[in-house]
Amino acid sequence: MIRNQKRCEVISKYDENEKFVLIINRKGNKNLKNLSFLINSRTHGKRMVRLDMNGAPHDNPDGELIPTPHIHIHDEKHLDGKIAIPLENVTDKELIDELYESMLFFLDYNSIEVDGINFVQGLEV
């Protein structure tokens, strides 16, 4: 099994006392290209959100298969991450902003030029 994980300490753009860990996880067993982004609260010591970009569909507790990309929200409403939500169904503007900022951080860290790229084509936020 191949695992490649990068951990980055990040600070909230809204409150400098809120600290997070952004984990960029490239893992694989059958698919060596699986990619997930995780945001954990360093301040509160808990998981918050995981974005699975590709890989196998997630089997929700109700039996529904959710294809990637999808997110897992670690709260009571989503059974502490056991329920996956298709990315296209996410409507929480703050969550969308956090995922977007994480992606930009990842691209910047890897020296990927983003000028001229339209990441949110057709997405109204």
Foldseek 3Di string as FASTA:
>chain_A
DDKDKDWDWDADPVDRVWIWIWIWIQDDDPDRRWIKIWIATPNVGGTAKMFTAADAFQQAPVRDTHHPRWMFGQDVVRPGRSHTGHPVPDDPPVVVVVVVVSVVVVCVVVVHDCPPPDPQVPNDD
